Protein backbone atom coordinates (compact mmCIF):
# COMPACT_ATOMS: atom_id res chain seq x y z
CA MET A 1 36.29 115.24 87.84
CA GLY A 2 33.88 118.01 87.15
CA GLY A 3 35.04 121.19 85.31
CA ASP A 4 38.58 122.38 86.04
CA GLU A 5 38.24 121.25 89.70
CA PRO A 6 41.86 119.48 90.15
CA ASP A 7 41.40 116.14 92.12
CA VAL A 8 44.57 115.62 93.54
CA ARG A 9 44.35 113.73 96.54
CA LYS A 10 48.30 113.25 97.42
CA VAL A 11 51.40 115.28 96.42
CA TYR A 12 55.27 113.74 96.62
CA ILE A 13 57.56 116.58 97.24
CA GLU A 14 61.14 115.91 96.72
CA PRO A 15 62.56 119.29 98.98
CA THR A 16 65.98 117.61 97.81
CA ASN A 17 67.74 115.14 95.69
CA ARG A 18 70.83 115.39 97.70
CA CYS A 19 71.33 112.91 100.30
CA ASN A 20 73.97 111.35 102.72
CA LEU A 21 73.98 108.04 102.20
CA HIS A 22 75.12 105.65 99.20
CA CYS A 23 72.78 102.91 99.38
CA GLY A 24 73.07 100.17 96.85
CA THR A 25 69.64 99.92 96.07
CA CYS A 26 68.69 103.76 95.07
CA ILE A 27 68.27 105.12 91.86
CA ARG A 28 71.06 107.50 92.24
CA ASN A 29 73.28 104.43 91.33
CA SER A 30 71.97 104.76 87.50
CA TRP A 31 71.49 108.52 87.10
CA SER A 32 73.60 111.24 86.28
CA SER A 33 71.10 114.65 87.52
CA GLY A 34 72.63 117.49 89.31
CA SER A 35 71.69 118.50 92.74
CA SER A 36 68.65 120.49 93.16
CA GLU A 37 66.84 121.91 95.91
CA LEU A 38 63.26 123.50 96.41
CA PRO A 39 63.57 127.02 98.07
CA ILE A 40 61.12 127.85 100.77
CA ALA A 41 59.43 130.27 99.08
CA SER A 42 58.30 127.88 96.21
CA ILE A 43 57.20 125.32 98.80
CA THR A 44 54.93 128.09 100.50
CA ARG A 45 53.10 129.27 97.58
CA LEU A 46 52.62 125.10 96.68
CA ALA A 47 50.75 125.41 100.09
CA GLY A 48 48.72 128.01 99.58
CA GLU A 49 47.80 126.43 95.98
CA MET A 50 47.32 123.02 97.72
CA ALA A 51 45.14 124.47 100.47
CA SER A 52 42.44 125.19 98.36
CA LEU A 53 42.26 121.77 96.88
CA PRO A 54 39.28 119.76 98.13
CA SER A 55 40.04 116.17 97.62
CA LEU A 56 43.66 116.42 99.06
CA LYS A 57 44.33 113.88 101.72
CA SER A 58 48.20 114.44 101.91
CA VAL A 59 51.41 115.55 101.12
CA VAL A 60 54.76 112.94 101.62
CA LEU A 61 58.28 114.98 101.41
CA GLY A 62 60.28 112.58 99.88
CA GLY A 63 61.84 111.08 96.64
CA PHE A 64 64.97 110.40 95.85
CA GLY A 65 67.05 112.40 98.24
CA GLU A 66 67.13 112.59 102.07
CA PRO A 67 64.61 115.56 103.41
CA LEU A 68 66.34 116.38 106.17
CA CYS A 69 69.41 117.17 104.26
CA HIS A 70 67.43 120.39 103.41
CA PRO A 71 68.15 122.99 105.61
CA ASP A 72 64.55 124.60 105.66
CA ILE A 73 63.09 120.88 106.28
CA VAL A 74 61.11 122.03 109.67
CA ARG A 75 59.84 125.31 108.34
CA ILE A 76 58.67 123.27 105.45
CA VAL A 77 56.44 121.11 107.37
CA SER A 78 55.38 124.03 109.51
CA VAL A 79 54.17 125.88 106.60
CA LEU A 80 52.21 122.63 105.04
CA ALA A 81 51.01 121.81 108.09
CA MET A 82 49.84 125.63 109.09
CA ALA A 83 47.86 125.38 105.97
CA GLY A 84 45.52 122.52 107.10
CA ILE A 85 47.86 119.65 105.41
CA ARG A 86 48.72 116.22 106.32
CA VAL A 87 52.42 115.91 106.28
CA GLU A 88 54.57 112.72 106.30
CA LEU A 89 58.11 112.70 105.66
CA ILE A 90 60.14 109.56 104.64
CA SER A 91 63.48 109.71 105.72
CA ASN A 92 66.85 107.10 106.67
CA ALA A 93 66.71 108.40 110.21
CA SER A 94 70.69 108.86 109.96
CA LEU A 95 70.20 112.69 110.66
CA LEU A 96 67.30 112.15 113.09
CA ASP A 97 68.89 113.20 116.33
CA GLY A 98 66.72 114.42 119.34
CA GLU A 99 66.58 117.73 118.46
CA MET A 100 65.52 117.34 114.86
CA GLY A 101 62.78 114.59 116.15
CA ARG A 102 61.52 117.16 118.94
CA ARG A 103 61.41 120.12 116.39
CA LEU A 104 59.54 117.96 113.96
CA MET A 105 56.96 116.84 116.07
CA ASP A 106 56.67 120.49 117.21
CA ALA A 107 55.96 121.32 113.47
CA GLY A 108 53.12 119.37 113.12
CA LEU A 109 54.57 116.37 111.02
CA ALA A 110 51.82 113.79 110.78
CA ARG A 111 53.97 110.51 110.08
CA LEU A 112 57.52 109.96 109.82
CA TRP A 113 58.32 106.90 107.40
CA VAL A 114 61.73 105.42 108.08
CA SER A 115 63.46 103.21 105.75
CA VAL A 116 64.85 99.86 107.72
CA ASP A 117 66.31 97.18 105.45
CA GLY A 118 68.14 95.19 107.85
CA ALA A 119 67.55 94.55 111.38
CA SER A 120 71.24 93.68 112.35
CA MET A 121 74.37 96.11 112.05
CA GLU A 122 75.74 93.53 109.00
CA GLN A 123 72.93 93.72 106.94
CA TYR A 124 71.87 97.28 107.71
CA GLU A 125 75.19 98.82 106.87
CA LYS A 126 75.98 96.39 103.73
CA ILE A 127 72.77 98.09 102.32
CA ARG A 128 72.87 101.77 103.66
CA LYS A 129 75.93 102.75 103.03
CA GLY A 130 77.41 105.60 104.93
CA ALA A 131 74.81 105.00 107.98
CA ARG A 132 75.82 103.51 111.21
CA HIS A 133 73.01 100.95 112.57
CA ASP A 134 73.78 101.81 116.11
CA GLU A 135 73.04 105.68 115.66
CA VAL A 136 70.11 104.96 113.47
CA ILE A 137 68.48 102.62 116.12
CA ALA A 138 69.54 105.01 119.13
CA ASN A 139 67.85 107.89 116.80
CA LEU A 140 64.29 105.99 116.56
CA LEU A 141 64.31 104.80 120.37
CA ARG A 142 65.18 108.45 121.18
CA LEU A 143 62.25 109.49 119.02
CA SER A 144 59.95 106.77 120.38
CA GLU A 145 60.71 108.32 124.04
CA LEU A 146 59.59 111.70 122.80
CA ARG A 147 56.46 110.72 121.29
CA ALA A 148 55.48 108.63 124.58
CA GLY A 149 57.02 111.60 126.80
CA SER A 150 54.86 114.16 125.08
CA ARG A 151 51.79 112.34 124.42
CA CYS A 152 52.55 113.61 120.22
CA ALA A 153 50.27 112.67 117.81
CA MET A 154 52.94 111.95 115.45
CA GLU A 155 52.62 108.02 113.99
CA LEU A 156 55.78 106.25 112.79
CA GLY A 157 55.71 104.18 109.98
CA LEU A 158 58.58 101.63 108.90
CA SER A 159 59.52 100.94 105.05
CA PHE A 160 61.29 97.66 104.26
CA VAL A 161 63.00 96.36 101.09
CA MET A 162 62.87 93.02 100.49
CA MET A 163 65.76 91.03 98.86
CA LYS A 164 67.04 87.72 98.53
CA SER A 165 69.97 88.65 100.84
CA ASN A 166 68.00 90.49 103.69
CA VAL A 167 64.14 88.62 103.76
CA HIS A 168 65.56 86.45 106.58
CA GLU A 169 65.45 89.62 108.87
CA LEU A 170 62.04 90.76 108.31
CA PRO A 171 60.58 88.81 111.53
CA ALA A 172 63.17 90.94 113.32
CA VAL A 173 62.10 94.11 111.73
CA VAL A 174 58.35 93.33 112.48
CA GLY A 175 59.53 92.99 116.30
CA LEU A 176 62.03 96.35 116.19
CA ALA A 177 58.12 97.77 114.47
CA ARG A 178 56.25 96.81 117.77
CA GLN A 179 59.12 98.24 119.99
CA LEU A 180 58.94 101.27 118.64
CA GLY A 181 55.21 101.95 118.33
CA ALA A 182 54.85 101.77 114.57
CA VAL A 183 51.61 101.95 113.20
CA GLU A 184 52.77 100.30 109.98
CA LEU A 185 55.32 98.44 108.30
CA LYS A 186 55.58 98.77 104.31
CA VAL A 187 57.48 96.25 103.02
CA THR A 188 58.22 96.33 99.11
CA ASN A 189 60.54 94.70 96.56
CA VAL A 190 63.80 95.92 95.28
CA LEU A 191 64.11 97.63 91.94
CA PRO A 192 67.20 96.70 90.35
CA TYR A 193 69.13 99.72 89.20
CA THR A 194 72.31 97.87 88.82
CA PRO A 195 73.41 94.64 87.48
CA GLU A 196 74.64 93.91 90.95
CA MET A 197 70.66 94.36 92.18
CA VAL A 198 69.76 91.85 89.55
CA GLY A 199 70.32 89.03 91.52
CA GLU A 200 68.82 90.18 94.83
CA VAL A 201 65.03 90.11 93.28
CA LEU A 202 62.18 88.10 94.97
CA TYR A 203 59.38 88.74 92.68
CA TYR A 204 58.70 84.82 92.27
CA ASP A 205 59.57 83.39 95.19
CA LEU A 206 57.45 85.02 98.06
CA ASN A 207 54.39 83.51 98.25
CA SER A 208 55.69 81.10 100.91
CA LEU A 209 57.02 83.64 102.85
CA LEU A 210 54.12 85.78 103.64
CA PRO A 211 51.20 84.04 105.51
CA LYS A 212 53.42 83.73 108.57
CA PHE A 213 54.54 87.21 108.77
CA ALA A 214 51.10 88.43 108.02
CA GLU A 215 50.37 86.62 111.23
CA GLU A 216 51.68 89.19 113.58
CA ARG A 217 49.05 91.28 115.68
CA GLY A 218 49.10 94.54 116.37
CA LEU A 219 50.89 95.98 113.57
CA ALA A 220 49.69 96.60 109.77
CA ILE A 221 51.63 94.88 107.40
CA ASP A 222 51.13 96.47 103.80
CA TRP A 223 52.50 93.77 101.84
CA PRO A 224 53.14 94.42 98.00
CA GLU A 225 49.31 93.33 96.69
CA ARG A 226 50.39 91.42 93.51
CA LEU A 227 52.26 88.85 95.31
CA LEU A 228 49.25 87.77 97.55
CA ASP A 229 46.93 86.55 94.59
CA GLY A 230 49.62 84.38 93.16
CA GLY A 231 52.72 86.61 92.28
CA LEU A 232 53.73 87.26 88.50
CA GLU A 233 54.22 84.04 86.90
CA ASP A 234 51.39 84.25 84.46
CA GLN A 235 50.14 87.39 82.37
CA PRO A 236 47.46 89.45 84.38
CA SER A 237 43.79 88.30 84.27
CA GLU A 238 41.50 91.03 82.85
CA GLY A 239 41.75 93.54 86.11
CA LYS A 240 44.93 92.65 87.19
CA LYS A 241 46.48 93.55 84.06
CA GLY A 242 48.10 96.60 85.90
CA CYS A 243 46.93 99.42 88.05
CA CYS A 244 49.01 102.31 88.53
CA THR A 245 48.64 103.26 92.31
CA PHE A 246 49.87 106.88 91.68
CA VAL A 247 47.00 107.50 89.08
CA ARG A 248 44.81 105.50 90.93
CA GLU A 249 45.05 107.21 93.96
CA GLY A 250 45.14 110.79 92.52
CA ALA A 251 48.76 111.38 93.10
CA VAL A 252 51.59 113.71 91.87
CA VAL A 253 55.43 114.12 92.33
CA VAL A 254 56.96 117.74 92.60
CA GLY A 255 60.83 117.11 92.01
CA ALA A 256 63.39 118.86 93.64
CA ASP A 257 64.02 121.33 90.13
CA GLY A 258 60.35 121.91 90.23
CA ARG A 259 59.21 119.68 87.76
CA LEU A 260 55.83 117.86 87.88
CA ALA A 261 56.01 114.26 87.24
CA PRO A 262 53.12 111.54 87.17
CA CYS A 263 55.17 109.07 89.50
CA LEU A 264 58.30 108.83 90.96
CA ALA A 265 59.36 106.31 88.48
CA LEU A 266 59.24 108.86 85.76
CA LEU A 267 61.01 111.70 87.86
CA TYR A 268 64.45 111.35 86.58
CA ALA A 269 65.97 109.55 83.94
CA ASN A 270 67.72 106.05 85.11
CA ARG A 271 68.36 102.75 84.34
CA THR A 272 66.77 99.45 85.29
CA TYR A 273 66.80 96.03 84.84
CA LEU A 274 64.02 93.63 83.65
CA HIS A 275 64.13 90.03 82.17
CA GLY A 276 67.89 90.57 81.75
CA TYR A 277 67.26 93.53 79.59
CA GLU A 278 68.98 96.80 80.58
CA ARG A 279 66.18 99.11 80.28
CA ALA A 280 66.87 103.08 79.61
CA ILE A 281 63.83 105.12 81.73
CA GLN A 282 63.49 108.61 80.32
CA PRO A 283 61.83 110.79 82.67
CA LYS A 284 58.47 112.86 81.91
CA ALA A 285 56.84 116.06 83.35
CA TYR A 286 54.02 118.22 82.22
CA GLY A 287 55.06 121.26 84.18
CA ASN A 288 56.87 123.32 86.24
CA ILE A 289 55.44 124.62 89.36
CA HIS A 290 58.14 127.58 89.27
CA SER A 291 56.65 128.70 86.17
CA GLU A 292 52.96 127.20 86.33
CA SER A 293 50.24 126.12 88.94
CA LEU A 294 49.67 122.79 89.91
CA ALA A 295 46.17 122.90 89.12
CA ALA A 296 47.33 124.10 85.56
CA ILE A 297 49.86 121.58 85.11
CA TRP A 298 47.11 118.74 86.43
CA ASN A 299 44.31 120.06 83.58
CA LYS A 300 46.31 119.85 80.79
CA PRO A 301 44.79 117.94 78.11
CA ALA A 302 48.27 115.98 77.85
CA TYR A 303 48.38 114.95 81.31
CA ARG A 304 44.45 114.09 81.34
CA GLU A 305 44.97 111.82 78.35
CA PHE A 306 47.95 110.19 79.65
CA ARG A 307 46.31 109.40 83.24
CA GLU A 308 43.33 108.11 81.39
CA ARG A 309 45.50 106.00 79.28
CA VAL A 310 47.02 104.47 82.43
CA ARG A 311 43.39 103.73 83.85
CA ARG A 312 42.90 101.83 80.63
CA PHE A 313 46.20 100.24 81.05
CA ALA A 314 46.54 98.83 77.71
CA PHE A 315 49.86 98.44 77.77
CA SER A 316 52.14 95.40 76.63
CA PRO A 317 52.62 93.11 79.51
CA CYS A 318 56.45 93.39 79.70
CA THR A 319 56.40 92.44 83.47
CA VAL A 320 55.23 88.79 82.07
CA CYS A 321 57.07 88.81 78.71
CA GLY A 322 59.73 87.18 77.69
CA GLY A 323 60.98 90.35 76.09
CA CYS A 324 61.80 92.25 73.02
CA GLU A 325 63.80 95.15 71.70
CA LYS A 326 61.15 97.67 72.63
CA LEU A 327 61.35 96.59 76.40
CA GLU A 328 64.92 98.17 76.46
CA ARG A 329 63.39 101.37 76.61
CA ASN A 330 59.99 103.04 77.96
CA GLU A 331 59.62 105.34 74.86
CA GLU A 332 57.06 102.94 72.60
CA ASP A 333 55.61 99.10 73.46
CA CYS A 334 54.85 96.70 71.04
CA PHE A 335 50.79 97.80 71.02
CA GLY A 336 51.82 100.97 69.43
CA ASN A 337 51.58 102.99 72.70
CA PRO A 338 53.84 106.24 72.97
CA PHE A 339 55.90 107.75 75.02
CA PRO A 340 55.67 107.00 77.90
CA VAL A 341 54.66 103.53 78.24
CA CYS A 342 53.97 101.62 81.67
CA GLY A 343 53.92 97.86 80.71
CA GLY A 344 57.04 97.25 82.21
CA CYS A 345 56.31 99.06 85.40
CA TYR A 346 56.52 96.94 88.68
CA TRP A 347 54.72 99.92 90.86
CA ALA A 348 51.64 99.33 88.24
CA GLN A 349 51.74 95.38 89.32
CA GLY A 350 51.91 96.56 93.11
CA VAL A 351 55.05 94.81 93.46
CA ILE A 352 57.20 98.08 94.11
CA GLN A 353 55.56 100.31 96.57
CA CYS A 354 56.10 103.30 98.39
CA PRO A 355 54.76 105.25 101.65
């Protein structure tokens, strides 16, 4: 990067951290954060800033809340799109009735990502608590008809969180994606935020499952990258020791309260599990868009230093280590790296991925 010109390429904006569902896989099961919502005025101001960022490729509306719970979500999409920004949105689609789908298309949404973690009613509703499988599928079929009828340019992508209890439904989800005209199916792993989810992880069992699904034609299946080169059984070799996609892609996250974090994993205090250890994850923000510009926060020396440290990724290899007491927090690792440390992050290993 030359001078003070921010090389931000992707911005995740969490319009709200409220959600209408209570999914068993969600971080909301292990946090105590209050409800927050970005006002339309703040997003309008941010859109003006982002329109002048020369490297910006896209904005993704999503985080740990349901964007369609925000009362001004259509205006938010419109404001960003009118600023010349490619806008994507992640939704559970339970609130995506025909009117909402039409309004999002008219507002200029470039891609809608929908989380579908089960093809059958039993499996889907077991994970997505509070949603009705038949209503969500009806919403998606209606949206597919709207897109076809209007020759709309809005793309559809599906996201599938693999677990031991639902991986057998992946072929049916591939079929659903094709039926709906999805351009991409993003497959990721579950990150256990509760003891109940610890038994659902598939990190060491997937290599035999991948090839037959990847042969499906007409749909790009975006697999977690590290699982295609041998999984996580051995300590990563040089060059594969970790590569944070958020830092690599020039991404940044704006939370519903305006805090600017380097990644989704550091947006909220939460609890995860790794090698049987309960980990207390502390959040890290480098500023707040309500009081500083995105460019000013991005260029802070402390934030620059953190991104460089992540690019080097000289952290303790916690994801492949047997574990020690330092693994129970993300505040310091056994190599002496200061907070926040990323050696225990499955996002950085390519096992967990976001749209």
